[in-house]
Amino acid sequence: RKKNFPDAKPLEPVEIDGVEFRFIRNRAYDGNG
């Protein structure tokens, strides 16, 4: 993604481009390690 959501409240509904998203918190990473 071009944009991530490190401050999103876990599992709270967020509307993005007309569709409901809910987010599970996961750590940031680079590459395939």
PDB file of all heavy atoms in Angstrom:
ATOM      1  N   ARG A   1       0.813  -1.212   0.000  1.00  0.00           N
ATOM      2  CA  ARG A   1       0.000   0.000   0.000  1.00  0.00           C
ATOM      3  C   ARG A   1       0.850   1.266   0.000  1.00  0.00           C
ATOM      4  O   ARG A   1       1.964   1.286   0.532  1.00  0.00           O
ATOM      5  CB  ARG A   1      -0.930   0.014   1.220  1.00  0.00           C
ATOM      6  CG  ARG A   1      -2.051  -0.989   1.160  1.00  0.00           C
ATOM      7  CD  ARG A   1      -3.166  -0.643   2.146  1.00  0.00           C
ATOM      8  NE  ARG A   1      -2.711  -0.577   3.516  1.00  0.00           N
ATOM      9  CZ  ARG A   1      -2.944  -1.512   4.440  1.00  0.00           C
ATOM     10  NH1 ARG A   1      -3.646  -2.593   4.123  1.00  0.00           N
ATOM     11  NH2 ARG A   1      -2.500  -1.369   5.658  1.00  0.00           N
ATOM     12  N   LYS A   2       0.270   2.334  -0.548  1.00  0.00           N
ATOM     13  CA  LYS A   2       0.922   3.637  -0.502  1.00  0.00           C
ATOM     14  C   LYS A   2       0.718   4.300   0.851  1.00  0.00           C
ATOM     15  O   LYS A   2       1.493   5.172   1.244  1.00  0.00           O
ATOM     16  CB  LYS A   2       0.355   4.542  -1.603  1.00  0.00           C
ATOM     17  CG  LYS A   2       0.685   4.084  -3.010  1.00  0.00           C
ATOM     18  CD  LYS A   2       0.113   5.023  -4.054  1.00  0.00           C
ATOM     19  CE  LYS A   2      -1.386   4.917  -4.166  1.00  0.00           C
ATOM     20  NZ  LYS A   2      -1.942   5.684  -5.307  1.00  0.00           N
ATOM     21  N   LYS A   3      -0.340   3.920   1.555  1.00  0.00           N
ATOM     22  CA  LYS A   3      -0.640   4.495   2.855  1.00  0.00           C
ATOM     23  C   LYS A   3      -0.957   3.378   3.831  1.00  0.00           C
ATOM     24  O   LYS A   3      -1.685   2.436   3.503  1.00  0.00           O
ATOM     25  CB  LYS A   3      -1.839   5.445   2.760  1.00  0.00           C
ATOM     26  CG  LYS A   3      -2.231   6.058   4.102  1.00  0.00           C
ATOM     27  CD  LYS A   3      -3.451   6.961   3.975  1.00  0.00           C
ATOM     28  CE  LYS A   3      -3.867   7.523   5.327  1.00  0.00           C
ATOM     29  NZ  LYS A   3      -5.082   8.374   5.241  1.00  0.00           N
ATOM     30  N   ASN A   4      -0.398   3.482   5.049  1.00  0.00           N
ATOM     31  CA  ASN A   4      -0.690   2.517   6.097  1.00  0.00           C
ATOM     32  C   ASN A   4      -1.342   3.208   7.284  1.00  0.00           C
ATOM     33  O   ASN A   4      -1.482   4.437   7.302  1.00  0.00           O
ATOM     34  CB  ASN A   4       0.580   1.760   6.489  1.00  0.00           C
ATOM     35  CG  ASN A   4       0.962   0.717   5.447  1.00  0.00           C
ATOM     36  OD1 ASN A   4       0.172  -0.165   5.135  1.00  0.00           O
ATOM     37  ND2 ASN A   4       2.159   0.830   4.884  1.00  0.00           N
ATOM     38  N   PHE A   5      -1.753   2.414   8.279  1.00  0.00           N
ATOM     39  CA  PHE A   5      -2.588   2.929   9.359  1.00  0.00           C
ATOM     40  C   PHE A   5      -2.060   2.528  10.738  1.00  0.00           C
ATOM     41  O   PHE A   5      -2.734   1.816  11.488  1.00  0.00           O
ATOM     42  CB  PHE A   5      -4.025   2.431   9.172  1.00  0.00           C
ATOM     43  CG  PHE A   5      -4.654   2.896   7.897  1.00  0.00           C
ATOM     44  CD1 PHE A   5      -4.461   2.192   6.724  1.00  0.00           C
ATOM     45  CD2 PHE A   5      -5.402   4.053   7.863  1.00  0.00           C
ATOM     46  CE1 PHE A   5      -5.027   2.623   5.524  1.00  0.00           C
ATOM     47  CE2 PHE A   5      -5.972   4.496   6.674  1.00  0.00           C
ATOM     48  CZ  PHE A   5      -5.783   3.789   5.509  1.00  0.00           C
ATOM     49  N   PRO A   6      -0.844   2.997  11.087  1.00  0.00           N
ATOM     50  CA  PRO A   6      -0.265   2.589  12.372  1.00  0.00           C
ATOM     51  C   PRO A   6      -1.071   3.054  13.580  1.00  0.00           C
ATOM     52  O   PRO A   6      -0.970   2.463  14.663  1.00  0.00           O
ATOM     53  CB  PRO A   6       1.122   3.248  12.350  1.00  0.00           C
ATOM     54  CG  PRO A   6       0.995   4.377  11.373  1.00  0.00           C
ATOM     55  CD  PRO A   6       0.035   3.905  10.341  1.00  0.00           C
ATOM     56  N   ASP A   7      -1.883   4.114  13.417  1.00  0.00           N
ATOM     57  CA  ASP A   7      -2.643   4.656  14.544  1.00  0.00           C
ATOM     58  C   ASP A   7      -4.112   4.253  14.524  1.00  0.00           C
ATOM     59  O   ASP A   7      -4.908   4.756  15.323  1.00  0.00           O
ATOM     60  CB  ASP A   7      -2.531   6.187  14.552  1.00  0.00           C
ATOM     61  CG  ASP A   7      -1.089   6.669  14.678  1.00  0.00           C
ATOM     62  OD1 ASP A   7      -0.336   6.036  15.453  1.00  0.00           O
ATOM     63  OD2 ASP A   7      -0.725   7.638  13.993  1.00  0.00           O
ATOM     64  N   ALA A   8      -4.480   3.350  13.626  1.00  0.00           N
ATOM     65  CA  ALA A   8      -5.882   2.932  13.546  1.00  0.00           C
ATOM     66  C   ALA A   8      -6.298   2.178  14.812  1.00  0.00           C
ATOM     67  O   ALA A   8      -5.525   1.388  15.361  1.00  0.00           O
ATOM     68  CB  ALA A   8      -6.093   2.042  12.323  1.00  0.00           C
ATOM     69  N   LYS A   9      -7.509   2.438  15.269  1.00  0.00           N
ATOM     70  CA  LYS A   9      -8.035   1.686  16.403  1.00  0.00           C
ATOM     71  C   LYS A   9      -8.393   0.280  15.938  1.00  0.00           C
ATOM     72  O   LYS A   9      -9.145   0.125  14.973  1.00  0.00           O
ATOM     73  CB  LYS A   9      -9.276   2.387  16.973  1.00  0.00           C
ATOM     74  CG  LYS A   9      -8.978   3.733  17.620  1.00  0.00           C
ATOM     75  CD  LYS A   9     -10.246   4.331  18.212  1.00  0.00           C
ATOM     76  CE  LYS A   9      -9.943   5.662  18.878  1.00  0.00           C
ATOM     77  NZ  LYS A   9     -11.180   6.274  19.455  1.00  0.00           N
ATOM     78  N   PRO A  10      -7.852  -0.743  16.599  1.00  0.00           N
ATOM     79  CA  PRO A  10      -8.096  -2.115  16.142  1.00  0.00           C
ATOM     80  C   PRO A  10      -9.580  -2.430  15.988  1.00  0.00           C
ATOM     81  O   PRO A  10     -10.374  -2.194  16.900  1.00  0.00           O
ATOM     82  CB  PRO A  10      -7.451  -2.975  17.232  1.00  0.00           C
ATOM     83  CG  PRO A  10      -6.389  -2.098  17.815  1.00  0.00           C
ATOM     84  CD  PRO A  10      -6.964  -0.706  17.778  1.00  0.00           C
ATOM     85  N   LEU A  11      -9.930  -2.927  14.806  1.00  0.00           N
ATOM     86  CA  LEU A  11     -11.258  -3.453  14.484  1.00  0.00           C
ATOM     87  C   LEU A  11     -12.366  -2.412  14.461  1.00  0.00           C
ATOM     88  O   LEU A  11     -13.539  -2.764  14.299  1.00  0.00           O
ATOM     89  CB  LEU A  11     -11.637  -4.592  15.442  1.00  0.00           C
ATOM     90  CG  LEU A  11     -10.674  -5.785  15.429  1.00  0.00           C
ATOM     91  CD1 LEU A  11     -11.125  -6.828  16.442  1.00  0.00           C
ATOM     92  CD2 LEU A  11     -10.611  -6.401  14.039  1.00  0.00           C
ATOM     93  N   GLU A  12     -12.011  -1.127  14.569  1.00  0.00           N
ATOM     94  CA  GLU A  12     -13.031  -0.088  14.458  1.00  0.00           C
ATOM     95  C   GLU A  12     -13.312   0.186  12.977  1.00  0.00           C
ATOM     96  O   GLU A  12     -12.387   0.273  12.169  1.00  0.00           O
ATOM     97  CB  GLU A  12     -12.575   1.191  15.149  1.00  0.00           C
ATOM     98  CG  GLU A  12     -12.510   1.082  16.662  1.00  0.00           C
ATOM     99  CD  GLU A  12     -13.875   0.815  17.276  1.00  0.00           C
ATOM    100  OE1 GLU A  12     -14.848   1.512  16.908  1.00  0.00           O
ATOM    101  OE2 GLU A  12     -13.982  -0.113  18.102  1.00  0.00           O
ATOM    102  N   PRO A  13     -14.580   0.320  12.590  1.00  0.00           N
ATOM    103  CA  PRO A  13     -14.895   0.525  11.166  1.00  0.00           C
ATOM    104  C   PRO A  13     -14.388   1.864  10.645  1.00  0.00           C
ATOM    105  O   PRO A  13     -14.524   2.898  11.311  1.00  0.00           O
ATOM    106  CB  PRO A  13     -16.425   0.449  11.125  1.00  0.00           C
ATOM    107  CG  PRO A  13     -16.871   0.718  12.524  1.00  0.00           C
ATOM    108  CD  PRO A  13     -15.789   0.237  13.437  1.00  0.00           C
ATOM    109  N   VAL A  14     -13.783   1.825   9.456  1.00  0.00           N
ATOM    110  CA  VAL A  14     -13.301   3.021   8.771  1.00  0.00           C
ATOM    111  C   VAL A  14     -13.736   2.911   7.309  1.00  0.00           C
ATOM    112  O   VAL A  14     -13.466   1.896   6.660  1.00  0.00           O
ATOM    113  CB  VAL A  14     -11.758   3.136   8.836  1.00  0.00           C
ATOM    114  CG1 VAL A  14     -11.298   4.395   8.104  1.00  0.00           C
ATOM    115  CG2 VAL A  14     -11.268   3.131  10.272  1.00  0.00           C
ATOM    116  N   GLU A  15     -14.398   3.932   6.790  1.00  0.00           N
ATOM    117  CA  GLU A  15     -14.803   3.900   5.385  1.00  0.00           C
ATOM    118  C   GLU A  15     -13.697   4.477   4.512  1.00  0.00           C
ATOM    119  O   GLU A  15     -13.231   5.597   4.740  1.00  0.00           O
ATOM    120  CB  GLU A  15     -16.096   4.681   5.160  1.00  0.00           C
ATOM    121  CG  GLU A  15     -16.594   4.576   3.714  1.00  0.00           C
ATOM    122  CD  GLU A  15     -17.928   5.239   3.481  1.00  0.00           C
ATOM    123  OE1 GLU A  15     -18.866   4.982   4.264  1.00  0.00           O
ATOM    124  OE2 GLU A  15     -18.024   6.022   2.520  1.00  0.00           O
ATOM    125  N   ILE A  16     -13.263   3.693   3.522  1.00  0.00           N
ATOM    126  CA  ILE A  16     -12.220   4.127   2.590  1.00  0.00           C
ATOM    127  C   ILE A  16     -12.703   3.856   1.174  1.00  0.00           C
ATOM    128  O   ILE A  16     -13.007   2.707   0.825  1.00  0.00           O
ATOM    129  CB  ILE A  16     -10.892   3.388   2.853  1.00  0.00           C
ATOM    130  CG1 ILE A  16     -10.409   3.632   4.292  1.00  0.00           C
ATOM    131  CG2 ILE A  16      -9.825   3.833   1.860  1.00  0.00           C
ATOM    132  CD1 ILE A  16      -9.199   2.806   4.686  1.00  0.00           C
ATOM    133  N   ASP A  17     -12.777   4.900   0.386  1.00  0.00           N
ATOM    134  CA  ASP A  17     -13.234   4.777  -1.007  1.00  0.00           C
ATOM    135  C   ASP A  17     -14.556   4.018  -1.096  1.00  0.00           C
ATOM    136  O   ASP A  17     -14.754   3.165  -1.973  1.00  0.00           O
ATOM    137  CB  ASP A  17     -12.170   4.089  -1.865  1.00  0.00           C
ATOM    138  CG  ASP A  17     -10.920   4.951  -2.030  1.00  0.00           C
ATOM    139  OD1 ASP A  17     -11.034   6.184  -1.937  1.00  0.00           O
ATOM    140  OD2 ASP A  17      -9.836   4.382  -2.236  1.00  0.00           O
ATOM    141  N   GLY A  18     -15.454   4.322  -0.147  1.00  0.00           N
ATOM    142  CA  GLY A  18     -16.796   3.774  -0.195  1.00  0.00           C
ATOM    143  C   GLY A  18     -16.977   2.378   0.353  1.00  0.00           C
ATOM    144  O   GLY A  18     -18.078   1.823   0.266  1.00  0.00           O
ATOM    145  N   VAL A  19     -15.927   1.788   0.937  1.00  0.00           N
ATOM    146  CA  VAL A  19     -16.005   0.422   1.482  1.00  0.00           C
ATOM    147  C   VAL A  19     -15.542   0.436   2.930  1.00  0.00           C
ATOM    148  O   VAL A  19     -14.580   1.133   3.285  1.00  0.00           O
ATOM    149  CB  VAL A  19     -15.144  -0.548   0.649  1.00  0.00           C
ATOM    150  CG1 VAL A  19     -15.103  -1.934   1.297  1.00  0.00           C
ATOM    151  CG2 VAL A  19     -15.687  -0.655  -0.772  1.00  0.00           C
ATOM    152  N   GLU A  20     -16.198  -0.363   3.773  1.00  0.00           N
ATOM    153  CA  GLU A  20     -15.823  -0.441   5.186  1.00  0.00           C
ATOM    154  C   GLU A  20     -14.589  -1.319   5.377  1.00  0.00           C
ATOM    155  O   GLU A  20     -14.567  -2.472   4.960  1.00  0.00           O
ATOM    156  CB  GLU A  20     -16.971  -1.006   6.022  1.00  0.00           C
ATOM    157  CG  GLU A  20     -16.642  -1.096   7.517  1.00  0.00           C
ATOM    158  CD  GLU A  20     -17.767  -1.681   8.353  1.00  0.00           C
ATOM    159  OE1 GLU A  20     -18.955  -1.405   8.026  1.00  0.00           O
ATOM    160  OE2 GLU A  20     -17.469  -2.423   9.314  1.00  0.00           O
ATOM    161  N   PHE A  21     -13.568  -0.749   6.008  1.00  0.00           N
ATOM    162  CA  PHE A  21     -12.379  -1.484   6.421  1.00  0.00           C
ATOM    163  C   PHE A  21     -12.380  -1.625   7.937  1.00  0.00           C
ATOM    164  O   PHE A  21     -12.860  -0.738   8.651  1.00  0.00           O
ATOM    165  CB  PHE A  21     -11.097  -0.729   6.034  1.00  0.00           C
ATOM    166  CG  PHE A  21     -10.651  -0.883   4.602  1.00  0.00           C
ATOM    167  CD1 PHE A  21     -11.358  -0.281   3.569  1.00  0.00           C
ATOM    168  CD2 PHE A  21      -9.505  -1.610   4.298  1.00  0.00           C
ATOM    169  CE1 PHE A  21     -10.938  -0.404   2.249  1.00  0.00           C
ATOM    170  CE2 PHE A  21      -9.078  -1.741   2.983  1.00  0.00           C
ATOM    171  CZ  PHE A  21      -9.786  -1.136   1.958  1.00  0.00           C
ATOM    172  N   ARG A  22     -11.808  -2.717   8.407  1.00  0.00           N
ATOM    173  CA  ARG A  22     -11.442  -2.861   9.821  1.00  0.00           C
ATOM    174  C   ARG A  22     -10.009  -3.384   9.836  1.00  0.00           C
ATOM    175  O   ARG A  22      -9.654  -4.241   9.028  1.00  0.00           O
ATOM    176  CB  ARG A  22     -12.390  -3.809  10.554  1.00  0.00           C
ATOM    177  CG  ARG A  22     -13.827  -3.287  10.571  1.00  0.00           C
ATOM    178  CD  ARG A  22     -14.697  -4.039  11.526  1.00  0.00           C
ATOM    179  NE  ARG A  22     -16.080  -3.569  11.464  1.00  0.00           N
ATOM    180  CZ  ARG A  22     -16.920  -3.558  12.502  1.00  0.00           C
ATOM    181  NH1 ARG A  22     -16.510  -3.982  13.692  1.00  0.00           N
ATOM    182  NH2 ARG A  22     -18.160  -3.123  12.364  1.00  0.00           N
ATOM    183  N   PHE A  23      -9.205  -2.859  10.769  1.00  0.00           N
ATOM    184  CA  PHE A  23      -7.780  -3.160  10.757  1.00  0.00           C
ATOM    185  C   PHE A  23      -7.350  -3.963  11.986  1.00  0.00           C
ATOM    186  O   PHE A  23      -7.818  -3.722  13.102  1.00  0.00           O
ATOM    187  CB  PHE A  23      -6.960  -1.870  10.698  1.00  0.00           C
ATOM    188  CG  PHE A  23      -7.086  -1.140   9.390  1.00  0.00           C
ATOM    189  CD1 PHE A  23      -7.912  -0.027   9.274  1.00  0.00           C
ATOM    190  CD2 PHE A  23      -6.394  -1.584   8.275  1.00  0.00           C
ATOM    191  CE1 PHE A  23      -8.034   0.645   8.068  1.00  0.00           C
ATOM    192  CE2 PHE A  23      -6.508  -0.919   7.063  1.00  0.00           C
ATOM    193  CZ  PHE A  23      -7.332   0.195   6.960  1.00  0.00           C
ATOM    194  N   ILE A  24      -6.468  -4.921  11.733  1.00  0.00           N
ATOM    195  CA  ILE A  24      -5.771  -5.664  12.785  1.00  0.00           C
ATOM    196  C   ILE A  24      -4.345  -5.111  12.839  1.00  0.00           C
ATOM    197  O   ILE A  24      -3.678  -4.998  11.817  1.00  0.00           O
ATOM    198  CB  ILE A  24      -5.741  -7.172  12.480  1.00  0.00           C
ATOM    199  CG1 ILE A  24      -7.167  -7.739  12.492  1.00  0.00           C
ATOM    200  CG2 ILE A  24      -4.853  -7.908  13.487  1.00  0.00           C
ATOM    201  CD1 ILE A  24      -7.250  -9.178  12.032  1.00  0.00           C
ATOM    202  N   ARG A  25      -3.899  -4.773  14.045  1.00  0.00           N
ATOM    203  CA  ARG A  25      -2.574  -4.179  14.181  1.00  0.00           C
ATOM    204  C   ARG A  25      -1.480  -5.215  13.911  1.00  0.00           C
ATOM    205  O   ARG A  25      -1.488  -6.309  14.470  1.00  0.00           O
ATOM    206  CB  ARG A  25      -2.396  -3.593  15.582  1.00  0.00           C
ATOM    207  CG  ARG A  25      -1.137  -2.714  15.711  1.00  0.00           C
ATOM    208  CD  ARG A  25      -1.066  -2.057  17.089  1.00  0.00           C
ATOM    209  NE  ARG A  25      -2.249  -1.251  17.368  1.00  0.00           N
ATOM    210  CZ  ARG A  25      -2.463  -0.033  16.876  1.00  0.00           C
ATOM    211  NH1 ARG A  25      -1.579   0.486  16.038  1.00  0.00           N
ATOM    212  NH2 ARG A  25      -3.548   0.635  17.196  1.00  0.00           N
ATOM    213  N   ASN A  26      -0.562  -4.848  13.033  1.00  0.00           N
ATOM    214  CA  ASN A  26       0.598  -5.699  12.757  1.00  0.00           C
ATOM    215  C   ASN A  26       1.818  -4.812  12.563  1.00  0.00           C
ATOM    216  O   ASN A  26       1.708  -3.667  12.114  1.00  0.00           O
ATOM    217  CB  ASN A  26       0.369  -6.569  11.514  1.00  0.00           C
ATOM    218  CG  ASN A  26       0.181  -5.756  10.241  1.00  0.00           C
ATOM    219  OD1 ASN A  26      -0.793  -4.993  10.117  1.00  0.00           O
ATOM    220  ND2 ASN A  26       1.084  -5.890   9.292  1.00  0.00           N
ATOM    221  N   ARG A  27       2.966  -5.333  12.924  1.00  0.00           N
ATOM    222  CA  ARG A  27       4.184  -4.516  12.896  1.00  0.00           C
ATOM    223  C   ARG A  27       4.591  -4.166  11.468  1.00  0.00           C
ATOM    224  O   ARG A  27       4.323  -4.901  10.510  1.00  0.00           O
ATOM    225  CB  ARG A  27       5.330  -5.243  13.602  1.00  0.00           C
ATOM    226  CG  ARG A  27       5.898  -6.435  12.863  1.00  0.00           C
ATOM    227  CD  ARG A  27       6.776  -7.264  13.778  1.00  0.00           C
ATOM    228  NE  ARG A  27       5.936  -7.974  14.757  1.00  0.00           N
ATOM    229  CZ  ARG A  27       6.415  -8.552  15.864  1.00  0.00           C
ATOM    230  NH1 ARG A  27       7.713  -8.513  16.119  1.00  0.00           N
ATOM    231  NH2 ARG A  27       5.597  -9.167  16.689  1.00  0.00           N
ATOM    232  N   ALA A  28       5.258  -3.020  11.338  1.00  0.00           N
ATOM    233  CA  ALA A  28       5.809  -2.602  10.057  1.00  0.00           C
ATOM    234  C   ALA A  28       7.022  -3.461   9.717  1.00  0.00           C
ATOM    235  O   ALA A  28       7.693  -3.996  10.613  1.00  0.00           O
ATOM    236  CB  ALA A  28       6.197  -1.128  10.108  1.00  0.00           C
ATOM    237  N   TYR A  29       7.311  -3.606   8.441  1.00  0.00           N
ATOM    238  CA  TYR A  29       8.428  -4.441   8.002  1.00  0.00           C
ATOM    239  C   TYR A  29       8.902  -3.977   6.640  1.00  0.00           C
ATOM    240  O   TYR A  29       8.197  -3.259   5.914  1.00  0.00           O
ATOM    241  CB  TYR A  29       8.000  -5.915   7.923  1.00  0.00           C
ATOM    242  CG  TYR A  29       6.870  -6.149   6.949  1.00  0.00           C
ATOM    243  CD1 TYR A  29       7.116  -6.470   5.610  1.00  0.00           C
ATOM    244  CD2 TYR A  29       5.539  -6.022   7.352  1.00  0.00           C
ATOM    245  CE1 TYR A  29       6.077  -6.662   4.709  1.00  0.00           C
ATOM    246  CE2 TYR A  29       4.493  -6.207   6.459  1.00  0.00           C
ATOM    247  CZ  TYR A  29       4.767  -6.531   5.144  1.00  0.00           C
ATOM    248  OH  TYR A  29       3.740  -6.697   4.246  1.00  0.00           O
ATOM    249  N   ASP A  30      10.090  -4.382   6.281  1.00  0.00           N
ATOM    250  CA  ASP A  30      10.641  -4.150   4.947  1.00  0.00           C
ATOM    251  C   ASP A  30      11.132  -5.476   4.397  1.00  0.00           C
ATOM    252  O   ASP A  30      11.725  -6.278   5.127  1.00  0.00           O
ATOM    253  CB  ASP A  30      11.806  -3.149   4.987  1.00  0.00           C
ATOM    254  CG  ASP A  30      11.353  -1.745   5.345  1.00  0.00           C
ATOM    255  OD1 ASP A  30      10.429  -1.245   4.679  1.00  0.00           O
ATOM    256  OD2 ASP A  30      11.919  -1.163   6.289  1.00  0.00           O
ATOM    257  N   GLY A  31      10.925  -5.701   3.102  1.00  0.00           N
ATOM    258  CA  GLY A  31      11.463  -6.900   2.470  1.00  0.00           C
ATOM    259  C   GLY A  31      10.753  -8.166   2.889  1.00  0.00           C
ATOM    260  O   GLY A  31       9.650  -8.153   3.457  1.00  0.00           O
ATOM    261  N   ASN A  32      11.420  -9.310   2.616  1.00  0.00           N
ATOM    262  CA  ASN A  32      10.819 -10.625   2.856  1.00  0.00           C
ATOM    263  C   ASN A  32      11.499 -11.394   3.982  1.00  0.00           C
ATOM    264  O   ASN A  32      11.481 -12.613   3.988  1.00  0.00           O
ATOM    265  CB  ASN A  32      10.872 -11.455   1.563  1.00  0.00           C
ATOM    266  CG  ASN A  32       9.891 -10.950   0.526  1.00  0.00           C
ATOM    267  OD1 ASN A  32       8.767 -10.572   0.860  1.00  0.00           O
ATOM    268  ND2 ASN A  32      10.312 -10.904  -0.723  1.00  0.00           N
ATOM    269  N   GLY A  33      12.086 -10.691   4.928  1.00  0.00           N
ATOM    270  CA  GLY A  33      12.793 -11.345   6.012  1.00  0.00           C
ATOM    271  C   GLY A  33      11.906 -11.688   7.182  1.00  0.00           C
ATOM    272  O   GLY A  33      10.670 -11.781   7.076  1.00  0.00           O
TER     273      GLY A  33
END
